[in-house]
Amino acid sequence: MSLNESELRKYVIAHPQDEEAFQHFLNIMRAKPGRVITATNEQFEAEIRKRLAS
């Protein structure tokens, strides 16, 4: 079975214990040009500030 990106996202949210699916989803997200993954609110805010300053 193959899930599209939206379906995989929903699956990962519904099954947080599935580390393999989560890592696969992160790999897809990281491969997108301009996409940045942040782990904390502080990292997110720093990325927003950086983008606004450019």
N, C-alpha and C. Protein backbone atom coordinates (compact mmCIF):
# COMPACT_ATOMS: atom_id res chain seq x y z
N MET A 1 0.85 -1.18 0.00
CA MET A 1 0.00 0.00 0.00
C MET A 1 0.89 1.24 0.00
N SER A 2 0.56 2.19 -0.84
CA SER A 2 1.32 3.43 -0.95
C SER A 2 0.41 4.60 -0.59
N LEU A 3 0.89 5.44 0.30
CA LEU A 3 0.12 6.60 0.74
C LEU A 3 0.66 7.86 0.08
N ASN A 4 -0.23 8.78 -0.27
CA ASN A 4 0.27 10.06 -0.74
C ASN A 4 0.71 10.88 0.49
N GLU A 5 1.29 12.04 0.25
CA GLU A 5 1.84 12.84 1.34
C GLU A 5 0.80 13.19 2.40
N SER A 6 -0.37 13.58 1.98
CA SER A 6 -1.43 13.95 2.91
C SER A 6 -1.88 12.75 3.75
N GLU A 7 -2.03 11.60 3.10
CA GLU A 7 -2.44 10.39 3.82
C GLU A 7 -1.35 9.95 4.80
N LEU A 8 -0.09 10.06 4.39
CA LEU A 8 1.02 9.69 5.27
C LEU A 8 1.05 10.60 6.49
N ARG A 9 0.84 11.90 6.27
CA ARG A 9 0.80 12.86 7.39
C ARG A 9 -0.28 12.47 8.39
N LYS A 10 -1.47 12.17 7.89
CA LYS A 10 -2.57 11.77 8.77
C LYS A 10 -2.23 10.48 9.52
N TYR A 11 -1.60 9.54 8.81
CA TYR A 11 -1.21 8.28 9.45
C TYR A 11 -0.21 8.53 10.58
N VAL A 12 0.79 9.36 10.31
CA VAL A 12 1.82 9.65 11.32
C VAL A 12 1.20 10.31 12.55
N ILE A 13 0.27 11.21 12.34
CA ILE A 13 -0.40 11.87 13.46
C ILE A 13 -1.22 10.86 14.27
N ALA A 14 -1.89 9.95 13.58
CA ALA A 14 -2.72 8.95 14.26
C ALA A 14 -1.91 7.82 14.90
N HIS A 15 -0.67 7.62 14.43
CA HIS A 15 0.17 6.51 14.93
C HIS A 15 1.55 7.04 15.33
N PRO A 16 1.63 7.86 16.38
CA PRO A 16 2.91 8.48 16.75
C PRO A 16 3.99 7.47 17.15
N GLN A 17 3.62 6.25 17.45
CA GLN A 17 4.59 5.23 17.84
C GLN A 17 5.30 4.61 16.63
N ASP A 18 4.81 4.86 15.44
CA ASP A 18 5.39 4.27 14.22
C ASP A 18 6.58 5.13 13.76
N GLU A 19 7.73 4.84 14.31
CA GLU A 19 8.94 5.62 14.05
C GLU A 19 9.36 5.54 12.58
N GLU A 20 9.20 4.37 11.96
CA GLU A 20 9.58 4.21 10.56
C GLU A 20 8.75 5.12 9.66
N ALA A 21 7.46 5.18 9.90
CA ALA A 21 6.58 6.06 9.10
C ALA A 21 6.93 7.52 9.34
N PHE A 22 7.21 7.86 10.59
CA PHE A 22 7.58 9.24 10.93
C PHE A 22 8.86 9.64 10.21
N GLN A 23 9.87 8.78 10.24
CA GLN A 23 11.14 9.09 9.59
C GLN A 23 10.95 9.22 8.07
N HIS A 24 10.13 8.38 7.50
CA HIS A 24 9.84 8.46 6.07
C HIS A 24 9.17 9.80 5.74
N PHE A 25 8.22 10.20 6.56
CA PHE A 25 7.54 11.48 6.37
C PHE A 25 8.54 12.64 6.46
N LEU A 26 9.43 12.59 7.46
CA LEU A 26 10.44 13.65 7.60
C LEU A 26 11.35 13.70 6.37
N ASN A 27 11.74 12.55 5.86
CA ASN A 27 12.59 12.53 4.67
C ASN A 27 11.89 13.20 3.48
N ILE A 28 10.61 12.96 3.34
CA ILE A 28 9.85 13.59 2.26
C ILE A 28 9.81 15.10 2.46
N MET A 29 9.55 15.53 3.67
CA MET A 29 9.46 16.96 3.95
C MET A 29 10.81 17.66 3.76
N ARG A 30 11.87 17.03 4.21
CA ARG A 30 13.21 17.62 4.10
C ARG A 30 13.67 17.71 2.64
N ALA A 31 13.16 16.87 1.78
CA ALA A 31 13.57 16.85 0.38
C ALA A 31 12.94 17.98 -0.43
N LYS A 32 11.94 18.63 0.13
CA LYS A 32 11.27 19.69 -0.61
C LYS A 32 12.10 20.97 -0.55
N PRO A 33 12.30 21.62 -1.69
CA PRO A 33 13.08 22.86 -1.71
C PRO A 33 12.43 23.93 -0.83
N GLY A 34 13.24 24.58 -0.03
CA GLY A 34 12.75 25.67 0.81
C GLY A 34 12.03 25.23 2.07
N ARG A 35 11.84 23.96 2.27
CA ARG A 35 11.13 23.45 3.43
C ARG A 35 12.11 23.29 4.58
N VAL A 36 11.75 23.82 5.74
CA VAL A 36 12.59 23.71 6.93
C VAL A 36 11.75 23.05 8.02
N ILE A 37 12.32 22.06 8.68
CA ILE A 37 11.66 21.37 9.78
C ILE A 37 12.24 21.91 11.08
N THR A 38 11.37 22.34 11.99
CA THR A 38 11.83 22.81 13.30
C THR A 38 11.24 21.91 14.38
N ALA A 39 11.99 21.78 15.48
CA ALA A 39 11.55 20.91 16.56
C ALA A 39 10.94 21.69 17.72
N THR A 40 11.25 22.96 17.81
CA THR A 40 10.75 23.75 18.93
C THR A 40 10.15 25.06 18.42
N ASN A 41 9.36 25.69 19.26
CA ASN A 41 8.81 27.01 18.91
C ASN A 41 9.93 28.02 18.73
N GLU A 42 10.99 27.91 19.52
CA GLU A 42 12.11 28.84 19.42
C GLU A 42 12.79 28.72 18.06
N GLN A 43 12.99 27.48 17.59
CA GLN A 43 13.58 27.28 16.27
C GLN A 43 12.67 27.84 15.18
N PHE A 44 11.38 27.63 15.33
CA PHE A 44 10.42 28.14 14.36
C PHE A 44 10.48 29.66 14.30
N GLU A 45 10.46 30.31 15.46
CA GLU A 45 10.50 31.78 15.51
C GLU A 45 11.81 32.30 14.93
N ALA A 46 12.92 31.64 15.20
CA ALA A 46 14.21 32.06 14.65
C ALA A 46 14.20 31.94 13.13
N GLU A 47 13.59 30.89 12.60
CA GLU A 47 13.51 30.71 11.14
C GLU A 47 12.64 31.79 10.52
N ILE A 48 11.54 32.12 11.15
CA ILE A 48 10.66 33.19 10.65
C ILE A 48 11.42 34.52 10.63
N ARG A 49 12.13 34.85 11.72
CA ARG A 49 12.89 36.08 11.78
C ARG A 49 13.95 36.12 10.69
N LYS A 50 14.63 35.00 10.47
CA LYS A 50 15.66 34.92 9.43
C LYS A 50 15.07 35.17 8.04
N ARG A 51 13.92 34.58 7.78
CA ARG A 51 13.29 34.75 6.47
C ARG A 51 12.76 36.17 6.27
N LEU A 52 12.25 36.76 7.34
CA LEU A 52 11.74 38.13 7.23
C LEU A 52 12.88 39.14 7.01
N ALA A 53 14.06 38.83 7.57
CA ALA A 53 15.21 39.74 7.43
C ALA A 53 15.84 39.66 6.05
N SER A 54 15.59 38.58 5.31
CA SER A 54 16.23 38.47 3.99
C SER A 54 15.47 39.18 2.91
